[in-house]
Amino acid sequence: MKSTGIVRGIDGLGRIVLPKELRSALKLDRDARLEIFVDGDTILLKKYKPAGTCDFCGEITPDFLTYQGVCICRACRDKISAL
């Protein structure tokens, strides 16, 4: 696990603010959802992405294809093949 060197406190409601640079780098917008995992004394946050979510447009569709870890829907495949 890579250390960012950033230390943040937890407020009275148990919230922590993720630095803007981190949110930008991970493309976490205001409505982003995170999965929370606990391993001993380590808390791991992972960007939540339901199965079948297109990595290009973000749509969730049962008609998707996964290639080398990238999920792509039919509409995006059609757009790419038209180029």
N, C-alpha and C. Protein backbone atom coordinates (compact mmCIF):
# COMPACT_ATOMS: atom_id res chain seq x y z
N MET A 1 0.85 -1.17 0.00
CA MET A 1 0.00 0.00 0.00
C MET A 1 0.90 1.23 0.00
N LYS A 2 0.58 2.21 -0.82
CA LYS A 2 1.38 3.42 -0.96
C LYS A 2 0.90 4.48 0.03
N SER A 3 1.84 5.12 0.72
CA SER A 3 1.51 6.18 1.67
C SER A 3 1.47 7.52 0.94
N THR A 4 0.46 8.34 1.25
CA THR A 4 0.35 9.67 0.64
C THR A 4 1.05 10.72 1.49
N GLY A 5 1.31 10.42 2.76
CA GLY A 5 1.93 11.40 3.64
C GLY A 5 0.95 12.44 4.15
N ILE A 6 -0.33 12.25 3.89
CA ILE A 6 -1.36 13.20 4.31
C ILE A 6 -2.04 12.65 5.55
N VAL A 7 -2.20 13.48 6.56
CA VAL A 7 -2.88 13.07 7.79
C VAL A 7 -4.12 13.94 7.94
N ARG A 8 -5.25 13.32 8.17
CA ARG A 8 -6.52 14.04 8.36
C ARG A 8 -7.17 13.56 9.65
N GLY A 9 -7.91 14.45 10.29
CA GLY A 9 -8.65 14.10 11.50
C GLY A 9 -10.08 13.68 11.18
N ILE A 10 -10.71 13.08 12.14
CA ILE A 10 -12.12 12.67 12.03
C ILE A 10 -12.94 13.66 12.84
N ASP A 11 -14.05 14.17 12.25
CA ASP A 11 -14.87 15.14 12.98
C ASP A 11 -15.82 14.43 13.95
N GLY A 12 -16.64 15.21 14.62
CA GLY A 12 -17.55 14.69 15.63
C GLY A 12 -18.58 13.70 15.10
N LEU A 13 -18.84 13.72 13.79
CA LEU A 13 -19.79 12.79 13.19
C LEU A 13 -19.10 11.59 12.54
N GLY A 14 -17.78 11.47 12.74
CA GLY A 14 -17.04 10.34 12.20
C GLY A 14 -16.63 10.50 10.75
N ARG A 15 -16.68 11.72 10.23
CA ARG A 15 -16.35 11.97 8.83
C ARG A 15 -14.89 12.34 8.67
N ILE A 16 -14.36 12.02 7.50
CA ILE A 16 -13.02 12.42 7.13
C ILE A 16 -13.09 13.00 5.72
N VAL A 17 -12.36 14.06 5.46
CA VAL A 17 -12.36 14.69 4.14
C VAL A 17 -11.19 14.15 3.34
N LEU A 18 -11.49 13.64 2.14
CA LEU A 18 -10.42 13.19 1.24
C LEU A 18 -9.87 14.40 0.51
N PRO A 19 -8.55 14.56 0.46
CA PRO A 19 -7.97 15.73 -0.21
C PRO A 19 -8.39 15.82 -1.67
N LYS A 20 -8.55 17.05 -2.16
CA LYS A 20 -8.98 17.28 -3.54
C LYS A 20 -8.07 16.59 -4.55
N GLU A 21 -6.76 16.62 -4.31
CA GLU A 21 -5.82 15.99 -5.23
C GLU A 21 -6.09 14.48 -5.35
N LEU A 22 -6.43 13.86 -4.24
CA LEU A 22 -6.74 12.43 -4.23
C LEU A 22 -8.05 12.17 -4.95
N ARG A 23 -9.06 12.99 -4.67
CA ARG A 23 -10.36 12.82 -5.35
C ARG A 23 -10.21 13.01 -6.85
N SER A 24 -9.42 13.99 -7.26
CA SER A 24 -9.21 14.23 -8.69
C SER A 24 -8.47 13.08 -9.35
N ALA A 25 -7.41 12.60 -8.69
CA ALA A 25 -6.61 11.51 -9.25
C ALA A 25 -7.43 10.24 -9.43
N LEU A 26 -8.36 9.99 -8.51
CA LEU A 26 -9.18 8.78 -8.57
C LEU A 26 -10.52 9.00 -9.26
N LYS A 27 -10.73 10.22 -9.77
CA LYS A 27 -11.97 10.59 -10.44
C LYS A 27 -13.19 10.31 -9.56
N LEU A 28 -13.11 10.80 -8.32
CA LEU A 28 -14.21 10.68 -7.38
C LEU A 28 -14.98 11.99 -7.37
N ASP A 29 -16.18 11.99 -7.94
CA ASP A 29 -16.97 13.21 -7.95
C ASP A 29 -17.83 13.26 -6.69
N ARG A 30 -18.68 14.24 -6.61
CA ARG A 30 -19.49 14.46 -5.42
C ARG A 30 -20.41 13.27 -5.09
N ASP A 31 -20.88 12.56 -6.09
CA ASP A 31 -21.81 11.44 -5.87
C ASP A 31 -21.11 10.08 -5.85
N ALA A 32 -19.78 10.07 -5.81
CA ALA A 32 -19.04 8.81 -5.82
C ALA A 32 -19.40 7.96 -4.60
N ARG A 33 -19.38 6.67 -4.82
CA ARG A 33 -19.65 5.73 -3.73
C ARG A 33 -18.39 4.92 -3.47
N LEU A 34 -18.13 4.64 -2.20
CA LEU A 34 -16.94 3.89 -1.82
C LEU A 34 -17.33 2.66 -1.03
N GLU A 35 -16.61 1.56 -1.27
CA GLU A 35 -16.76 0.36 -0.45
C GLU A 35 -15.74 0.48 0.68
N ILE A 36 -16.11 0.00 1.86
CA ILE A 36 -15.23 0.08 3.02
C ILE A 36 -14.87 -1.33 3.46
N PHE A 37 -13.58 -1.60 3.56
CA PHE A 37 -13.08 -2.89 4.00
C PHE A 37 -12.22 -2.68 5.24
N VAL A 38 -12.22 -3.65 6.15
CA VAL A 38 -11.40 -3.59 7.35
C VAL A 38 -10.55 -4.84 7.41
N ASP A 39 -9.25 -4.66 7.64
CA ASP A 39 -8.32 -5.77 7.79
C ASP A 39 -7.44 -5.46 9.00
N GLY A 40 -7.79 -6.04 10.13
CA GLY A 40 -7.07 -5.72 11.37
C GLY A 40 -7.30 -4.27 11.73
N ASP A 41 -6.22 -3.49 11.79
CA ASP A 41 -6.36 -2.06 12.12
C ASP A 41 -6.27 -1.18 10.88
N THR A 42 -6.44 -1.78 9.71
CA THR A 42 -6.38 -1.04 8.44
C THR A 42 -7.77 -0.87 7.87
N ILE A 43 -8.11 0.36 7.47
CA ILE A 43 -9.37 0.65 6.79
C ILE A 43 -9.02 0.94 5.34
N LEU A 44 -9.66 0.22 4.42
CA LEU A 44 -9.39 0.38 3.00
C LEU A 44 -10.65 0.90 2.31
N LEU A 45 -10.52 1.98 1.58
CA LEU A 45 -11.64 2.54 0.80
C LEU A 45 -11.40 2.18 -0.65
N LYS A 46 -12.42 1.68 -1.31
CA LYS A 46 -12.31 1.31 -2.72
C LYS A 46 -13.48 1.93 -3.48
N LYS A 47 -13.18 2.50 -4.62
CA LYS A 47 -14.22 3.08 -5.47
C LYS A 47 -15.22 1.98 -5.82
N TYR A 48 -16.50 2.23 -5.52
CA TYR A 48 -17.53 1.22 -5.77
C TYR A 48 -17.99 1.27 -7.21
N LYS A 49 -18.01 0.10 -7.81
CA LYS A 49 -18.47 0.00 -9.20
C LYS A 49 -19.25 -1.30 -9.33
N PRO A 50 -20.59 -1.22 -9.49
CA PRO A 50 -21.38 -2.45 -9.64
C PRO A 50 -20.95 -3.23 -10.88
N ALA A 51 -21.11 -4.54 -10.83
CA ALA A 51 -20.79 -5.38 -11.98
C ALA A 51 -21.60 -4.92 -13.18
N GLY A 52 -20.96 -4.86 -14.33
CA GLY A 52 -21.64 -4.45 -15.55
C GLY A 52 -21.61 -2.96 -15.81
N THR A 53 -20.82 -2.21 -15.03
CA THR A 53 -20.71 -0.77 -15.23
C THR A 53 -19.64 -0.49 -16.28
N CYS A 54 -20.00 0.23 -17.33
CA CYS A 54 -19.07 0.55 -18.40
C CYS A 54 -18.01 1.53 -17.89
N ASP A 55 -16.74 1.22 -18.13
CA ASP A 55 -15.65 2.09 -17.69
C ASP A 55 -15.55 3.37 -18.50
N PHE A 56 -16.25 3.44 -19.63
CA PHE A 56 -16.18 4.61 -20.49
C PHE A 56 -17.33 5.59 -20.21
N CYS A 57 -18.56 5.09 -20.14
CA CYS A 57 -19.70 6.00 -19.98
C CYS A 57 -20.36 5.89 -18.60
N GLY A 58 -20.06 4.82 -17.84
CA GLY A 58 -20.62 4.66 -16.50
C GLY A 58 -21.99 4.02 -16.45
N GLU A 59 -22.55 3.68 -17.62
CA GLU A 59 -23.86 3.02 -17.65
C GLU A 59 -23.75 1.59 -17.15
N ILE A 60 -24.81 1.12 -16.50
CA ILE A 60 -24.87 -0.26 -16.04
C ILE A 60 -25.76 -1.02 -17.02
N THR A 61 -25.22 -2.07 -17.60
CA THR A 61 -25.95 -2.82 -18.60
C THR A 61 -25.61 -4.30 -18.49
N PRO A 62 -26.59 -5.16 -18.74
CA PRO A 62 -26.28 -6.60 -18.73
C PRO A 62 -25.50 -7.02 -19.98
N ASP A 63 -25.50 -6.17 -21.00
CA ASP A 63 -24.84 -6.47 -22.27
C ASP A 63 -23.46 -5.81 -22.30
N PHE A 64 -22.53 -6.33 -21.49
CA PHE A 64 -21.20 -5.74 -21.44
C PHE A 64 -20.15 -6.80 -21.75
N LEU A 65 -18.97 -6.31 -22.08
CA LEU A 65 -17.84 -7.18 -22.38
C LEU A 65 -16.67 -6.71 -21.52
N THR A 66 -15.93 -7.64 -20.96
CA THR A 66 -14.75 -7.30 -20.18
C THR A 66 -13.51 -7.75 -20.95
N TYR A 67 -12.57 -6.82 -21.12
CA TYR A 67 -11.32 -7.14 -21.81
C TYR A 67 -10.17 -6.55 -21.02
N GLN A 68 -9.26 -7.39 -20.57
CA GLN A 68 -8.09 -6.98 -19.79
C GLN A 68 -8.48 -6.07 -18.62
N GLY A 69 -9.54 -6.45 -17.91
CA GLY A 69 -9.97 -5.72 -16.73
C GLY A 69 -10.80 -4.48 -17.00
N VAL A 70 -11.09 -4.20 -18.26
CA VAL A 70 -11.89 -3.03 -18.63
C VAL A 70 -13.27 -3.50 -19.08
N CYS A 71 -14.30 -2.89 -18.53
CA CYS A 71 -15.67 -3.24 -18.88
C CYS A 71 -16.19 -2.21 -19.89
N ILE A 72 -16.80 -2.69 -20.96
CA ILE A 72 -17.30 -1.78 -22.00
C ILE A 72 -18.69 -2.25 -22.47
N CYS A 73 -19.61 -1.30 -22.60
CA CYS A 73 -20.97 -1.62 -23.04
C CYS A 73 -21.04 -1.64 -24.57
N ARG A 74 -22.14 -2.13 -25.09
CA ARG A 74 -22.31 -2.24 -26.54
C ARG A 74 -22.27 -0.88 -27.23
N ALA A 75 -22.90 0.13 -26.63
CA ALA A 75 -22.93 1.46 -27.25
C ALA A 75 -21.53 2.03 -27.39
N CYS A 76 -20.69 1.88 -26.36
CA CYS A 76 -19.33 2.39 -26.43
C CYS A 76 -18.49 1.57 -27.42
N ARG A 77 -18.72 0.25 -27.47
CA ARG A 77 -18.02 -0.58 -28.45
C ARG A 77 -18.36 -0.13 -29.85
N ASP A 78 -19.63 0.17 -30.10
CA ASP A 78 -20.06 0.62 -31.43
C ASP A 78 -19.41 1.96 -31.79
N LYS A 79 -19.33 2.88 -30.81
CA LYS A 79 -18.71 4.18 -31.06
C LYS A 79 -17.21 4.02 -31.40
N ILE A 80 -16.55 3.14 -30.66
CA ILE A 80 -15.12 2.93 -30.88
C ILE A 80 -14.87 2.27 -32.23
N SER A 81 -15.69 1.29 -32.58
CA SER A 81 -15.48 0.58 -33.85
C SER A 81 -15.81 1.49 -35.05
N ALA A 82 -16.60 2.54 -34.83
CA ALA A 82 -16.95 3.45 -35.91
C ALA A 82 -15.82 4.44 -36.23
N LEU A 83 -14.83 4.52 -35.34
CA LEU A 83 -13.72 5.48 -35.55
C LEU A 83 -12.81 5.08 -36.64
